C-alpha atoms as a PDB file:
ATOM      1  CA  MET A   1       2.890  74.407  24.701  1.00  0.00           C
ATOM      2  CA  THR A   2       1.601  76.299  21.681  1.00  0.00           C
ATOM      3  CA  VAL A   3      -0.783  74.760  19.154  1.00  0.00           C
ATOM      4  CA  PHE A   4       2.061  74.542  16.592  1.00  0.00           C
ATOM      5  CA  LYS A   5       4.325  72.660  19.032  1.00  0.00           C
ATOM      6  CA  ARG A   6       1.499  70.248  19.867  1.00  0.00           C
ATOM      7  CA  GLN A   7       0.982  69.510  16.157  1.00  0.00           C
ATOM      8  CA  VAL A   8       4.728  68.880  15.702  1.00  0.00           C
ATOM      9  CA  ALA A   9       4.803  66.528  18.702  1.00  0.00           C
ATOM     10  CA  VAL A  10       1.797  64.584  17.425  1.00  0.00           C
ATOM     11  CA  PHE A  11       3.378  64.352  13.957  1.00  0.00           C
ATOM     12  CA  LEU A  12       6.683  63.038  15.348  1.00  0.00           C
ATOM     13  CA  THR A  13       4.893  60.516  17.534  1.00  0.00           C
ATOM     14  CA  LEU A  14       2.895  59.180  14.598  1.00  0.00           C
ATOM     15  CA  PHE A  15       5.971  59.162  12.321  1.00  0.00           C
ATOM     16  CA  LEU A  16       8.115  57.208  14.809  1.00  0.00           C
ATOM     17  CA  ALA A  17       5.287  54.738  15.440  1.00  0.00           C
ATOM     18  CA  GLY A  18       4.982  54.160  11.706  1.00  0.00           C
ATOM     19  CA  CYS A  19       8.732  53.518  11.385  1.00  0.00           C
ATOM     20  CA  GLY A  20       8.503  50.827  14.038  1.00  0.00           C
ATOM     21  CA  ALA A  21       5.563  48.988  12.469  1.00  0.00           C
ATOM     22  CA  GLY A  22       6.290  45.372  11.693  1.00  0.00           C
ATOM     23  CA  ASN A  23       9.215  45.042  14.131  1.00  0.00           C
ATOM     24  CA  GLY A  24       7.555  45.334  17.492  1.00  0.00           C
ATOM     25  CA  GLY A  25       7.444  49.147  17.510  1.00  0.00           C
ATOM     26  CA  ASN A  26      11.241  49.591  17.676  1.00  0.00           C
ATOM     27  CA  PRO A  27      12.298  52.083  14.958  1.00  0.00           C
ATOM     28  CA  SER A  28      15.975  51.043  15.276  1.00  0.00           C
ATOM     29  CA  LEU A  29      15.292  47.525  13.966  1.00  0.00           C
ATOM     30  CA  PRO A  30      14.715  47.166  10.210  1.00  0.00           C
ATOM     31  CA  THR A  31      11.950  44.896   8.988  1.00  0.00           C
ATOM     32  CA  VAL A  32      13.524  41.672   7.695  1.00  0.00           C
ATOM     33  CA  PRO A  33      11.672  39.917   4.859  1.00  0.00           C
ATOM     34  CA  ALA A  34      10.717  36.294   5.478  1.00  0.00           C
ATOM     35  CA  THR A  35      12.913  33.656   3.854  1.00  0.00           C
ATOM     36  CA  ASN A  36      12.353  30.054   2.854  1.00  0.00           C
ATOM     37  CA  VAL A  37       8.651  30.725   2.344  1.00  0.00           C
ATOM     38  CA  VAL A  38       7.198  28.256  -0.114  1.00  0.00           C
ATOM     39  CA  ALA A  39       3.761  27.484  -1.430  1.00  0.00           C
ATOM     40  CA  ALA A  40       1.899  24.348  -0.454  1.00  0.00           C
ATOM     41  CA  PRO A  41       2.755  21.466  -2.779  1.00  0.00           C
ATOM     42  CA  LEU A  42       0.587  20.983  -5.820  1.00  0.00           C
ATOM     43  CA  SER A  43      -3.112  21.142  -5.011  1.00  0.00           C
ATOM     44  CA  VAL A  44      -3.095  19.868  -1.430  1.00  0.00           C
ATOM     45  CA  ASP A  45      -2.494  21.875   1.711  1.00  0.00           C
ATOM     46  CA  VAL A  46      -0.183  19.819   3.929  1.00  0.00           C
ATOM     47  CA  SER A  47       1.250  22.536   6.149  1.00  0.00           C
ATOM     48  CA  GLY A  48       0.760  21.504   9.763  1.00  0.00           C
ATOM     49  CA  VAL A  49      -1.801  18.823   8.958  1.00  0.00           C
ATOM     50  CA  ALA A  50       0.289  15.640   8.756  1.00  0.00           C
ATOM     51  CA  VAL A  51       0.559  13.108  11.554  1.00  0.00           C
ATOM     52  CA  ASP A  52       2.829  10.341  12.767  1.00  0.00           C
ATOM     53  CA  GLN A  53       0.626   7.750  11.054  1.00  0.00           C
ATOM     54  CA  LEU A  54      -2.419   8.426  13.192  1.00  0.00           C
ATOM     55  CA  THR A  55      -2.228  11.172  15.826  1.00  0.00           C
ATOM     56  CA  PRO A  56      -3.518  14.570  14.604  1.00  0.00           C
ATOM     57  CA  SER A  57      -1.703  17.720  15.686  1.00  0.00           C
ATOM     58  CA  THR A  58      -3.576  19.757  18.293  1.00  0.00           C
ATOM     59  CA  SER A  59      -2.984  22.956  16.323  1.00  0.00           C
ATOM     60  CA  PRO A  60      -1.610  23.904  12.920  1.00  0.00           C
ATOM     61  CA  SER A  61       2.166  24.216  12.832  1.00  0.00           C
ATOM     62  CA  PRO A  62       3.894  26.725  10.549  1.00  0.00           C
ATOM     63  CA  ASP A  63       6.771  25.874   8.289  1.00  0.00           C
ATOM     64  CA  ALA A  64      10.188  25.742   9.933  1.00  0.00           C
ATOM     65  CA  SER A  65      11.483  29.092  11.132  1.00  0.00           C
ATOM     66  CA  THR A  66      14.693  30.614   9.845  1.00  0.00           C
ATOM     67  CA  ASP A  67      17.936  31.238  11.707  1.00  0.00           C
ATOM     68  CA  SER A  68      19.237  34.305   9.852  1.00  0.00           C
ATOM     69  CA  SER A  69      22.759  33.997  11.236  1.00  0.00           C
ATOM     70  CA  ALA A  70      23.293  30.557   9.732  1.00  0.00           C
ATOM     71  CA  ASN A  71      20.488  30.690   7.143  1.00  0.00           C
ATOM     72  CA  ARG A  72      19.322  27.284   8.408  1.00  0.00           C
ATOM     73  CA  TRP A  73      15.865  26.199   9.436  1.00  0.00           C
ATOM     74  CA  ARG A  74      15.206  25.075  12.960  1.00  0.00           C
ATOM     75  CA  ARG A  75      13.646  21.650  13.333  1.00  0.00           C
ATOM     76  CA  SER A  76      10.137  21.121  14.609  1.00  0.00           C
ATOM     77  CA  PRO A  77       9.983  20.721  18.396  1.00  0.00           C
ATOM     78  CA  ALA A  78       7.247  18.083  18.061  1.00  0.00           C
ATOM     79  CA  THR A  79       9.522  15.066  17.658  1.00  0.00           C
ATOM     80  CA  SER A  80      11.624  14.308  20.718  1.00  0.00           C
ATOM     81  CA  THR A  81      12.576  10.668  20.100  1.00  0.00           C
ATOM     82  CA  ILE A  82      13.648   8.748  16.997  1.00  0.00           C
ATOM     83  CA  PHE A  83      13.617   4.933  16.983  1.00  0.00           C
ATOM     84  CA  VAL A  84      15.743   3.282  14.304  1.00  0.00           C
ATOM     85  CA  GLY A  85      16.283  -0.410  13.606  1.00  0.00           C
ATOM     86  CA  VAL A  86      19.938  -1.490  13.537  1.00  0.00           C
ATOM     87  CA  THR A  87      21.287  -4.756  12.153  1.00  0.00           C
ATOM     88  CA  GLY A  88      24.640  -6.270  13.033  1.00  0.00           C
ATOM     89  CA  GLU A  89      26.618  -9.445  12.660  1.00  0.00           C
ATOM     90  CA  ILE A  90      24.884 -11.081  15.651  1.00  0.00           C
ATOM     91  CA  VAL A  91      21.783  -9.169  16.758  1.00  0.00           C
ATOM     92  CA  SER A  92      19.156  -6.780  15.481  1.00  0.00           C
ATOM     93  CA  SER A  93      18.158  -3.993  17.832  1.00  0.00           C
ATOM     94  CA  VAL A  94      16.383  -0.635  18.075  1.00  0.00           C
ATOM     95  CA  SER A  95      18.395   2.482  18.869  1.00  0.00           C
ATOM     96  CA  LEU A  96      16.717   5.454  20.583  1.00  0.00           C
ATOM     97  CA  TYR A  97      17.905   8.960  19.734  1.00  0.00           C
ATOM     98  CA  LYS A  98      16.790  11.953  21.810  1.00  0.00           C
ATOM     99  CA  ALA A  99      16.321  15.587  20.764  1.00  0.00           C
ATOM    100  CA  PRO A 100      18.081  17.823  19.848  1.00  0.00           C
ATOM    101  CA  PHE A 101      19.748  14.965  17.876  1.00  0.00           C
ATOM    102  CA  ASN A 102      22.419  16.851  15.863  1.00  0.00           C
ATOM    103  CA  GLY A 103      23.789  13.573  14.556  1.00  0.00           C
ATOM    104  CA  GLY A 104      24.814  12.418  18.037  1.00  0.00           C
ATOM    105  CA  ALA A 105      25.075   8.969  19.564  1.00  0.00           C
ATOM    106  CA  ALA A 106      22.082   6.858  20.580  1.00  0.00           C
ATOM    107  CA  ALA A 107      20.667   7.511  24.045  1.00  0.00           C
ATOM    108  CA  SER A 108      19.870   3.827  24.588  1.00  0.00           C
ATOM    109  CA  THR A 109      19.331   0.530  22.786  1.00  0.00           C
ATOM    110  CA  ILE A 110      16.600  -2.095  22.936  1.00  0.00           C
ATOM    111  CA  CYS A 111      17.902  -5.582  22.169  1.00  0.00           C
ATOM    112  CA  CYS A 112      17.514  -8.108  20.459  1.00  0.00           C
ATOM    113  CA  ASP A 113      16.100  -9.999  17.433  1.00  0.00           C
ATOM    114  CA  LEU A 114      13.682  -7.219  16.579  1.00  0.00           C
ATOM    115  CA  ASN A 115      12.174  -6.812  13.122  1.00  0.00           C
ATOM    116  CA  ALA A 116       9.396  -4.351  12.355  1.00  0.00           C
ATOM    117  CA  LEU A 117       8.579  -1.502  14.767  1.00  0.00           C
ATOM    118  CA  VAL A 118       5.833   1.091  15.237  1.00  0.00           C
ATOM    119  CA  LEU A 119       4.462   3.501  17.871  1.00  0.00           C
ATOM    120  CA  ASP A 120       0.888   3.930  19.082  1.00  0.00           C
ATOM    121  CA  THR A 121      -0.821   7.156  20.164  1.00  0.00           C
ATOM    122  CA  LYS A 122       0.408   6.752  23.773  1.00  0.00           C
ATOM    123  CA  GLY A 123       4.024   6.452  22.680  1.00  0.00           C
ATOM    124  CA  ASP A 124       4.225   2.712  23.373  1.00  0.00           C
ATOM    125  CA  LEU A 125       6.731   1.026  21.077  1.00  0.00           C
ATOM    126  CA  PHE A 126       5.741  -2.233  19.349  1.00  0.00           C
ATOM    127  CA  THR A 127       8.300  -4.536  17.760  1.00  0.00           C
ATOM    128  CA  LEU A 128       8.000  -7.939  16.138  1.00  0.00           C
ATOM    129  CA  THR A 129      10.561 -10.632  16.879  1.00  0.00           C
ATOM    130  CA  GLY A 130      11.866 -13.306  14.565  1.00  0.00           C
ATOM    131  CA  SER A 131       9.635 -15.818  16.369  1.00  0.00           C
ATOM    132  CA  ASN A 132       6.545 -13.703  15.495  1.00  0.00           C
ATOM    133  CA  SER A 133       5.964 -12.440  19.028  1.00  0.00           C
ATOM    134  CA  LEU A 134       4.687  -8.900  19.480  1.00  0.00           C
ATOM    135  CA  GLN A 135       6.672  -6.947  22.071  1.00  0.00           C
ATOM    136  CA  GLU A 136       5.343  -3.752  23.664  1.00  0.00           C
ATOM    137  CA  TYR A 137       7.626  -1.267  25.445  1.00  0.00           C
ATOM    138  CA  ALA A 138       6.175   1.602  27.479  1.00  0.00           C
ATOM    139  CA  PRO A 139       8.001   4.954  27.863  1.00  0.00           C
ATOM    140  CA  PRO A 140      10.767   5.556  28.876  1.00  0.00           C
ATOM    141  CA  TYR A 141      11.537   2.185  27.238  1.00  0.00           C
ATOM    142  CA  THR A 142      13.937   1.063  29.950  1.00  0.00           C
ATOM    143  CA  GLY A 143      11.888  -1.810  31.372  1.00  0.00           C
ATOM    144  CA  SER A 144      11.085  -5.248  30.058  1.00  0.00           C
ATOM    145  CA  ALA A 145       8.657  -5.687  27.198  1.00  0.00           C
ATOM    146  CA  THR A 146       5.268  -7.335  27.330  1.00  0.00           C
ATOM    147  CA  SER A 147       5.660 -10.211  24.878  1.00  0.00           C
ATOM    148  CA  THR A 148       2.663 -11.832  23.156  1.00  0.00           C
ATOM    149  CA  PRO A 149       2.813 -14.534  20.448  1.00  0.00           C
ATOM    150  CA  LEU A 150       0.543 -13.591  17.546  1.00  0.00           C
ATOM    151  CA  LEU A 151      -1.894 -16.443  17.009  1.00  0.00           C
ATOM    152  CA  GLY A 152      -2.376 -17.435  13.400  1.00  0.00           C
ATOM    153  CA  PHE A 153       0.545 -15.341  12.179  1.00  0.00           C
ATOM    154  CA  ALA A 154       3.326 -17.530  10.834  1.00  0.00           C
ATOM    155  CA  PRO A 155       4.940 -16.133   7.688  1.00  0.00           C
ATOM    156  CA  VAL A 156       7.937 -18.012   6.298  1.00  0.00           C
ATOM    157  CA  VAL A 157       9.915 -14.773   6.324  1.00  0.00           C
ATOM    158  CA  MET A 158       8.768 -11.537   7.977  1.00  0.00           C
ATOM    159  CA  GLU A 159       8.814  -8.818   5.343  1.00  0.00           C
ATOM    160  CA  GLY A 160       7.357  -5.338   5.729  1.00  0.00           C
ATOM    161  CA  GLU A 161       6.241  -3.132   8.584  1.00  0.00           C
ATOM    162  CA  LEU A 162       3.679  -3.046  11.386  1.00  0.00           C
ATOM    163  CA  ALA A 163       0.959  -0.434  11.721  1.00  0.00           C
ATOM    164  CA  VAL A 164      -1.282   0.653  14.624  1.00  0.00           C
ATOM    165  CA  ASN A 165      -4.698   2.256  14.121  1.00  0.00           C
ATOM    166  CA  PRO A 166      -6.254   4.950  16.388  1.00  0.00           C
ATOM    167  CA  SER A 167      -7.916   2.246  18.531  1.00  0.00           C
ATOM    168  CA  GLY A 168      -4.580   0.613  19.299  1.00  0.00           C
ATOM    169  CA  ASP A 169      -5.149  -2.433  17.076  1.00  0.00           C
ATOM    170  CA  VAL A 170      -1.929  -3.804  15.565  1.00  0.00           C
ATOM    171  CA  PHE A 171      -1.887  -4.857  11.903  1.00  0.00           C
ATOM    172  CA  VAL A 172       0.787  -7.103  10.379  1.00  0.00           C
ATOM    173  CA  PRO A 173       1.447  -8.036   6.729  1.00  0.00           C
ATOM    174  CA  ASP A 174       1.818 -11.678   5.684  1.00  0.00           C
ATOM    175  CA  PHE A 175       3.874 -11.311   2.519  1.00  0.00           C
ATOM    176  CA  GLN A 176       3.841 -14.970   1.482  1.00  0.00           C
ATOM    177  CA  GLY A 177       0.249 -15.595   2.615  1.00  0.00           C
ATOM    178  CA  ASN A 178      -1.162 -12.577   0.704  1.00  0.00           C
ATOM    179  CA  LYS A 179      -3.094 -11.236   3.653  1.00  0.00           C
ATOM    180  CA  VAL A 180      -3.058  -8.561   6.354  1.00  0.00           C
ATOM    181  CA  GLN A 181      -4.092  -9.480   9.894  1.00  0.00           C
ATOM    182  CA  GLY A 182      -5.311  -7.171  12.661  1.00  0.00           C
ATOM    183  CA  TYR A 183      -5.023  -7.934  16.384  1.00  0.00           C
ATOM    184  CA  ALA A 184      -6.933  -6.157  19.152  1.00  0.00           C
ATOM    185  CA  SER A 185      -5.361  -5.377  22.527  1.00  0.00           C
ATOM    186  CA  PRO A 186      -4.086  -7.307  24.489  1.00  0.00           C
ATOM    187  CA  TYR A 187      -3.168  -9.122  21.231  1.00  0.00           C
ATOM    188  CA  SER A 188      -3.383 -12.626  22.710  1.00  0.00           C
ATOM    189  CA  SER A 189      -6.468 -13.735  20.760  1.00  0.00           C
ATOM    190  CA  ALA A 190      -6.902 -14.792  17.150  1.00  0.00           C
ATOM    191  CA  PRO A 191      -6.968 -11.974  14.573  1.00  0.00           C
ATOM    192  CA  MET A 192     -10.040  -9.765  14.737  1.00  0.00           C
ATOM    193  CA  LYS A 193      -9.579  -8.876  11.043  1.00  0.00           C
ATOM    194  CA  THR A 194      -8.048 -10.721   8.104  1.00  0.00           C
ATOM    195  CA  ILE A 195      -7.851  -8.765   4.852  1.00  0.00           C
ATOM    196  CA  THR A 196      -7.308 -10.738   1.652  1.00  0.00           C
ATOM    197  CA  THR A 197      -9.255  -8.834  -1.019  1.00  0.00           C
ATOM    198  CA  SER A 198      -6.853  -7.224  -3.534  1.00  0.00           C
ATOM    199  CA  ILE A 199      -3.833  -8.165  -1.396  1.00  0.00           C
ATOM    200  CA  ASN A 200      -0.753  -9.195  -3.390  1.00  0.00           C
ATOM    201  CA  GLU A 201       2.459  -9.687  -1.399  1.00  0.00           C
ATOM    202  CA  PRO A 202       1.772  -6.897   1.136  1.00  0.00           C
ATOM    203  CA  ALA A 203       4.942  -5.240   2.322  1.00  0.00           C
ATOM    204  CA  TRP A 204       4.116  -1.903   3.957  1.00  0.00           C
ATOM    205  CA  LEU A 205       1.139  -0.780   6.025  1.00  0.00           C
ATOM    206  CA  ARG A 206       0.199   2.764   7.027  1.00  0.00           C
ATOM    207  CA  PHE A 207      -2.819   4.496   8.575  1.00  0.00           C
ATOM    208  CA  ASP A 208      -3.934   8.007   7.746  1.00  0.00           C
ATOM    209  CA  GLY A 209      -5.493  10.487  10.169  1.00  0.00           C
ATOM    210  CA  ALA A 210      -8.976   9.017   9.648  1.00  0.00           C
ATOM    211  CA  GLY A 211      -7.889   5.463  10.462  1.00  0.00           C
ATOM    212  CA  ASN A 212      -8.045   4.276   6.859  1.00  0.00           C
ATOM    213  CA  LEU A 213      -5.485   1.576   6.073  1.00  0.00           C
ATOM    214  CA  PHE A 214      -3.049   1.860   3.156  1.00  0.00           C
ATOM    215  CA  VAL A 215      -1.443  -1.389   1.976  1.00  0.00           C
ATOM    216  CA  ALA A 216       1.509  -1.299  -0.416  1.00  0.00           C
ATOM    217  CA  ASN A 217       1.499  -4.488  -2.483  1.00  0.00           C
ATOM    218  CA  GLY A 218       4.928  -5.594  -3.614  1.00  0.00           C
ATOM    219  CA  GLY A 219       3.522  -8.167  -6.018  1.00  0.00           C
ATOM    220  CA  ASN A 220       1.909  -5.704  -8.415  1.00  0.00           C
ATOM    221  CA  GLY A 221       3.090  -2.291  -7.247  1.00  0.00           C
ATOM    222  CA  ASN A 222      -0.425  -1.133  -6.341  1.00  0.00           C
ATOM    223  CA  VAL A 223      -1.490   0.659  -3.154  1.00  0.00           C
ATOM    224  CA  MET A 224      -4.883  -0.214  -1.687  1.00  0.00           C
ATOM    225  CA  GLU A 225      -6.815   2.019   0.695  1.00  0.00           C
ATOM    226  CA  TYR A 226      -9.307   0.303   3.008  1.00  0.00           C
ATOM    227  CA  ALA A 227     -11.968   2.123   5.023  1.00  0.00           C
ATOM    228  CA  SER A 228     -11.729   1.949   8.802  1.00  0.00           C
ATOM    229  CA  SER A 229     -14.068  -1.063   8.958  1.00  0.00           C
ATOM    230  CA  TYR A 230     -11.377  -3.038   7.047  1.00  0.00           C
ATOM    231  CA  THR A 231     -14.008  -5.238   5.410  1.00  0.00           C
ATOM    232  CA  GLY A 232     -14.827  -5.820   1.758  1.00  0.00           C
ATOM    233  CA  ALA A 233     -13.067  -4.411  -1.258  1.00  0.00           C
ATOM    234  CA  PRO A 234     -10.694  -1.444  -0.953  1.00  0.00           C
ATOM    235  CA  MET A 235     -12.338   1.925  -1.434  1.00  0.00           C
ATOM    236  CA  LYS A 236      -9.397   3.128  -3.506  1.00  0.00           C
ATOM    237  CA  ARG A 237      -6.849   1.439  -5.757  1.00  0.00           C
ATOM    238  CA  ILE A 238      -3.769   3.504  -6.579  1.00  0.00           C
ATOM    239  CA  ARG A 239      -1.922   2.263  -9.652  1.00  0.00           C
ATOM    240  CA  ASN A 240       1.048   3.056 -11.860  1.00  0.00           C
ATOM    241  CA  LEU A 241       3.186   4.848  -9.295  1.00  0.00           C
ATOM    242  CA  VAL A 242       6.691   5.486 -10.602  1.00  0.00           C
ATOM    243  CA  ASN A 243       9.411   3.083  -9.353  1.00  0.00           C
ATOM    244  CA  PHE A 244       6.867   1.175  -7.313  1.00  0.00           C
ATOM    245  CA  THR A 245       7.975  -2.448  -7.549  1.00  0.00           C
ATOM    246  CA  HIS A 246       8.984  -4.361  -4.448  1.00  0.00           C
ATOM    247  CA  GLY A 247      12.442  -5.909  -4.664  1.00  0.00           C
ATOM    248  CA  ALA A 248      13.491  -3.576  -7.474  1.00  0.00           C
ATOM    249  CA  ASN A 249      13.227   0.150  -6.775  1.00  0.00           C
ATOM    250  CA  PHE A 250      10.487   0.297  -4.140  1.00  0.00           C
ATOM    251  CA  HIS A 251      12.137   0.186  -0.712  1.00  0.00           C
ATOM    252  CA  ALA A 252      10.013   2.176   1.735  1.00  0.00           C
ATOM    253  CA  PHE A 253       6.582   3.729   2.053  1.00  0.00           C
ATOM    254  CA  ALA A 254       4.834   6.372   4.182  1.00  0.00           C
ATOM    255  CA  VAL A 255       1.487   8.210   4.260  1.00  0.00           C
ATOM    256  CA  ASP A 256       0.597  11.515   5.924  1.00  0.00           C
ATOM    257  CA  ALA A 257      -2.779  12.742   7.223  1.00  0.00           C
ATOM    258  CA  SER A 258      -3.621  14.382   3.892  1.00  0.00           C
ATOM    259  CA  ASP A 259      -3.148  10.969   2.238  1.00  0.00           C
ATOM    260  CA  ASP A 260       0.017  12.080   0.472  1.00  0.00           C
ATOM    261  CA  ILE A 261       2.098   8.988  -0.304  1.00  0.00           C
ATOM    262  CA  PHE A 262       5.899   8.899  -0.043  1.00  0.00           C
ATOM    263  CA  VAL A 263       7.873   6.173  -1.835  1.00  0.00           C
ATOM    264  CA  ALA A 264      11.622   5.575  -1.458  1.00  0.00           C
ATOM    265  CA  ASN A 265      13.737   4.432  -4.413  1.00  0.00           C
ATOM    266  CA  ALA A 266      17.028   3.099  -3.016  1.00  0.00           C
ATOM    267  CA  VAL A 267      18.460   2.489  -6.489  1.00  0.00           C
ATOM    268  CA  GLY A 268      17.754   5.963  -7.843  1.00  0.00           C
ATOM    269  CA  ASN A 269      18.469   7.744  -4.507  1.00  0.00           C
ATOM    270  CA  THR A 270      15.101   9.491  -4.481  1.00  0.00           C
ATOM    271  CA  VAL A 271      11.924   9.853  -2.441  1.00  0.00           C
ATOM    272  CA  THR A 272       8.800  10.598  -4.471  1.00  0.00           C
ATOM    273  CA  GLU A 273       5.717  12.273  -3.004  1.00  0.00           C
ATOM    274  CA  TYR A 274       2.346  11.529  -4.607  1.00  0.00           C
ATOM    275  CA  VAL A 275      -0.616  13.817  -3.951  1.00  0.00           C
ATOM    276  CA  PRO A 276      -4.275  12.778  -4.398  1.00  0.00           C
ATOM    277  CA  PRO A 277      -5.662  11.872  -6.891  1.00  0.00           C
ATOM    278  CA  TYR A 278      -2.222  10.362  -7.674  1.00  0.00           C
ATOM    279  CA  THR A 279      -2.589  10.703 -11.454  1.00  0.00           C
ATOM    280  CA  GLY A 280      -0.274  12.433 -13.888  1.00  0.00           C
ATOM    281  CA  ARG A 281       3.024  14.219 -13.408  1.00  0.00           C
ATOM    282  CA  SER A 282       1.306  17.142 -11.671  1.00  0.00           C
ATOM    283  CA  SER A 283       0.531  14.799  -8.775  1.00  0.00           C
ATOM    284  CA  ARG A 284       4.101  13.976  -7.832  1.00  0.00           C
ATOM    285  CA  ARG A 285       7.321  15.597  -6.638  1.00  0.00           C
ATOM    286  CA  THR A 286      10.764  14.009  -6.320  1.00  0.00           C
ATOM    287  CA  ILE A 287      13.117  14.648  -3.387  1.00  0.00           C
ATOM    288  CA  LYS A 288      16.791  14.038  -4.179  1.00  0.00           C
ATOM    289  CA  VAL A 289      18.938  16.288  -1.997  1.00  0.00           C
ATOM    290  CA  GLY A 290      20.462  14.420   0.953  1.00  0.00           C
ATOM    291  CA  VAL A 291      18.959  11.076  -0.108  1.00  0.00           C
ATOM    292  CA  ASN A 292      21.396   8.138  -0.160  1.00  0.00           C
ATOM    293  CA  SER A 293      19.950   4.642  -0.754  1.00  0.00           C
ATOM    294  CA  PRO A 294      16.767   5.315   1.291  1.00  0.00           C
ATOM    295  CA  ASN A 295      15.205   2.258   2.926  1.00  0.00           C
ATOM    296  CA  GLY A 296      12.965   3.773   5.616  1.00  0.00           C
ATOM    297  CA  LEU A 297      10.396   6.619   5.759  1.00  0.00           C
ATOM    298  CA  VAL A 298       8.092   8.144   8.378  1.00  0.00           C
ATOM    299  CA  VAL A 299       6.193  11.437   8.792  1.00  0.00           C
ATOM    300  CA  ASP A 300       5.898  13.035  12.248  1.00  0.00           C
ATOM    301  CA  GLY A 301       3.034  14.943  13.884  1.00  0.00           C
ATOM    302  CA  ASN A 302       3.915  18.246  12.204  1.00  0.00           C
ATOM    303  CA  GLY A 303       4.437  16.848   8.724  1.00  0.00           C
ATOM    304  CA  TYR A 304       8.234  16.547   8.886  1.00  0.00           C
ATOM    305  CA  LEU A 305       9.589  13.709   6.747  1.00  0.00           C
ATOM    306  CA  PHE A 306      12.323  11.443   8.142  1.00  0.00           C
ATOM    307  CA  VAL A 307      14.391   9.344   5.727  1.00  0.00           C
ATOM    308  CA  VAL A 308      16.647   6.432   6.691  1.00  0.00           C
ATOM    309  CA  ASN A 309      19.654   6.405   4.342  1.00  0.00           C
ATOM    310  CA  SER A 310      21.324   3.002   4.184  1.00  0.00           C
ATOM    311  CA  GLY A 311      24.016   4.361   1.860  1.00  0.00           C
ATOM    312  CA  ASN A 312      25.688   6.425   4.579  1.00  0.00           C
ATOM    313  CA  ASN A 313      23.892   5.227   7.756  1.00  0.00           C
ATOM    314  CA  THR A 314      22.145   8.516   8.476  1.00  0.00           C
ATOM    315  CA  VAL A 315      18.629   9.779   9.161  1.00  0.00           C
ATOM    316  CA  THR A 316      17.739  13.038   7.426  1.00  0.00           C
ATOM    317  CA  GLU A 317      14.781  15.259   8.276  1.00  0.00           C
ATOM    318  CA  TYR A 318      12.920  17.366   5.672  1.00  0.00           C
ATOM    319  CA  ASN A 319      10.702  20.297   6.547  1.00  0.00           C
ATOM    320  CA  PRO A 320       7.252  20.716   4.987  1.00  0.00           C
ATOM    321  CA  PRO A 321       5.642  21.792   2.846  1.00  0.00           C
ATOM    322  CA  SER A 322       8.396  21.878   0.197  1.00  0.00           C
ATOM    323  CA  TYR A 323      10.752  19.191   1.622  1.00  0.00           C
ATOM    324  CA  ALA A 324      13.543  21.085  -0.120  1.00  0.00           C
ATOM    325  CA  THR A 325      15.555  21.750   3.050  1.00  0.00           C
ATOM    326  CA  TYR A 326      16.994  19.029   5.252  1.00  0.00           C
ATOM    327  CA  GLN A 327      19.399  18.325   8.061  1.00  0.00           C
ATOM    328  CA  THR A 328      21.103  15.145   9.255  1.00  0.00           C
ATOM    329  CA  VAL A 329      19.653  14.304  12.673  1.00  0.00           C
ATOM    330  CA  VAL A 330      21.167  10.850  13.292  1.00  0.00           C
ATOM    331  CA  THR A 331      24.450   9.227  12.242  1.00  0.00           C
ATOM    332  CA  LEU A 332      25.177   5.578  13.024  1.00  0.00           C
ATOM    333  CA  SER A 333      28.755   4.769  13.994  1.00  0.00           C
ATOM    334  CA  GLY A 334      30.151   1.332  14.710  1.00  0.00           C
ATOM    335  CA  GLY A 335      31.757  -1.352  12.594  1.00  0.00           C
ATOM    336  CA  GLY A 336      29.619  -4.194  11.315  1.00  0.00           C
ATOM    337  CA  GLN A 337      26.330  -2.330  11.867  1.00  0.00           C
ATOM    338  CA  SER A 338      23.879  -0.660   9.530  1.00  0.00           C
ATOM    339  CA  PHE A 339      20.404   0.867   9.614  1.00  0.00           C
ATOM    340  CA  SER A 340      17.807  -1.748   8.676  1.00  0.00           C
ATOM    341  CA  GLY A 341      15.230   0.785   7.486  1.00  0.00           C
ATOM    342  CA  GLU A 342      12.701   0.475  10.300  1.00  0.00           C
ATOM    343  CA  ILE A 343      11.980   3.875  11.851  1.00  0.00           C
ATOM    344  CA  ALA A 344       9.394   5.449  14.157  1.00  0.00           C
ATOM    345  CA  VAL A 345       9.261   8.928  15.704  1.00  0.00           C
ATOM    346  CA  HIS A 346       7.497  10.358  18.734  1.00  0.00           C
END
C-alpha cells in the first residue's frame, strides 16, 4: 500500500469513528438528545437521595429514563410492593400490590380492623388495630401477625400514622393526649420515649434519613423536628405552611431524606413540596397534575412520590426531581370500598 493510500485509510477510519461517537461507535445510529431532563428543584439536590422514610439508597439513582416510542418514563425498579389501606362497609384491610403494577388488581389482602401502617428497614409491615394492638407481618406477608398491645397507649380515637426509626422503634401519635410515644422492640413494655414538648394534636409522624423525627401538629399547623435523642425541645419549628390545617385542607404528610416536606390538600387537589429552609414562595412547589382528593403520601428509596387519590381510588407515582410526570400504578375496584389514605412502599 502506498503512503497516500495509508493516509486515506487512516483518515476514513478516524472519520467513521468520529461519526459513531456518542452512540456506541455505530455510525448508522444518530445521536438522540436526552428528553425530560430537568434541574433539581429550587436549591436542594434531591435526585437519588430520598428514602422510604429511613433507608438510604445504596447508590445515587438517576431520574426516570425515557421510552422514546411512547414518550413515557419508566418507573423506578426500587419499589416492588405497594401497601394501601382499604376501608369498606364491614372491615378495614391492607391490600398488597406487586410490581410492575400497571393499575392491576391486588396480589393479596391482609385483614382486618387495621388502621395506620408502616414498614421498617427489613420490610416488616406494622399495622395498628382498633384495639390499639401493634401487629407485625414479616415478608411475604402470608402468615399470621405478631400482635402486641401497646401499654399506655389508649387514645379515644386513633388519628394519624405510625413511624419507625432506623433502630426499629415504633412511634405512635396520641392526637387527643397531645403526645407522641415511642416503643422499643419487642414493643411489649411501657413507652421508652414520650414526647410532649410543642406537641399539639399530632397527626402525622415521619423520620428522615438521619433518624430525626418530624411531627405534623394538626392543632396549630406547625411541623416540629426532633433530634434522634427525642428529648427536650424540638430543634426546628416549621411554621406558616400553606394549607396546613388538620381537618380543613391538610390531609397527608411525607418527608424525604433531604428533609423536603410534602403536604396533601384534598380540597384543592394539590400536593405541595416545601424545601428547607421552608420560608417564602421560592421554597415551595405545587403538584396538581393527576392529583384527585389526595389523602395519603409516601416517598420511596429513590425519591419517587406516591399519592393516594381518594377522589378516584387510585395511587399515582411521580418521578423526581421535578414530579411533573406521573403514572397511575394502582386502581381500586369493588363496590363499597375506598382507599383510606394509609400507604407504605417497599
